[in-house]
């Protein structure tokens, strides 16, 4: 069985996560870990388009 190599997140990693979360209104942040280490941050952002109202007339 493999050895558990989980490490606490560093201050730099926490800052990177916070930076990616700033201004995110609709979307997700996915943190990818390999062997207990953070190796990737994916940011997926949605742009919400307001519904168009029919013209009056």
Protein backbone atom coordinates (compact mmCIF):
# COMPACT_ATOMS: atom_id res chain seq x y z
CA UNK A 1 0.00 0.00 0.00
CA UNK A 2 1.27 3.51 -0.81
CA UNK A 3 2.51 5.90 1.83
CA UNK A 4 0.25 8.88 2.68
CA UNK A 5 2.13 12.01 1.54
CA UNK A 6 -0.55 14.59 2.35
CA UNK A 7 1.02 17.98 2.97
CA UNK A 8 -0.71 21.08 4.32
CA UNK A 9 -1.28 23.80 1.72
CA UNK A 10 1.46 26.43 1.67
CA UNK A 11 0.72 30.13 2.07
CA UNK A 12 1.56 30.57 -1.64
CA UNK A 13 -0.93 27.87 -2.66
CA UNK A 14 -3.62 29.45 -0.48
CA UNK A 15 -2.93 32.84 -2.11
CA UNK A 16 -3.22 31.26 -5.58
CA UNK A 17 -6.59 29.73 -4.67
CA UNK A 18 -7.82 33.05 -3.25
CA UNK A 19 -6.67 34.91 -6.37
CA UNK A 20 -8.56 32.50 -8.62
CA UNK A 21 -11.70 32.82 -6.45
CA UNK A 22 -11.72 36.64 -6.56
CA UNK A 23 -14.47 38.02 -8.75
CA UNK A 24 -15.88 34.59 -9.56
CA UNK A 25 -19.66 35.10 -9.61
CA UNK A 26 -20.87 31.95 -11.35
CA UNK A 27 -18.49 29.06 -11.74
CA UNK A 28 -16.25 26.56 -10.06
CA UNK A 29 -12.72 26.10 -8.82
CA UNK A 30 -11.42 22.54 -8.99
CA UNK A 31 -8.34 21.62 -7.01
CA UNK A 32 -6.45 18.63 -8.37
CA UNK A 33 -4.27 16.59 -6.03
CA UNK A 34 -1.82 13.83 -6.87
CA UNK A 35 -0.12 11.78 -4.18
CA UNK A 36 -1.50 14.17 -1.57
CA UNK A 37 -0.02 17.28 -3.23
CA UNK A 38 -1.88 20.12 -4.94
CA UNK A 39 -0.77 20.03 -8.58
CA UNK A 40 -3.42 22.01 -10.49
CA UNK A 41 -6.17 24.61 -10.11
CA UNK A 42 -8.92 24.71 -12.75
CA UNK A 43 -11.19 27.75 -12.95
CA UNK A 44 -14.43 27.47 -14.92
CA UNK A 45 -16.46 30.64 -15.16
CA UNK A 46 -19.99 31.05 -16.48
CA UNK A 47 -21.23 34.25 -18.05
CA UNK A 48 -24.93 34.71 -17.29
CA UNK A 49 -26.84 36.56 -20.01
CA UNK A 50 -29.96 38.40 -18.79
CA UNK A 51 -33.22 37.20 -20.37
CA UNK A 52 -34.51 39.42 -23.17
CA UNK A 53 -37.92 40.89 -22.63
CA UNK A 54 -40.29 40.98 -25.60
CA UNK A 55 -40.77 44.44 -27.11
CA UNK A 56 -43.97 46.15 -26.09
CA UNK A 57 -46.15 47.36 -28.80
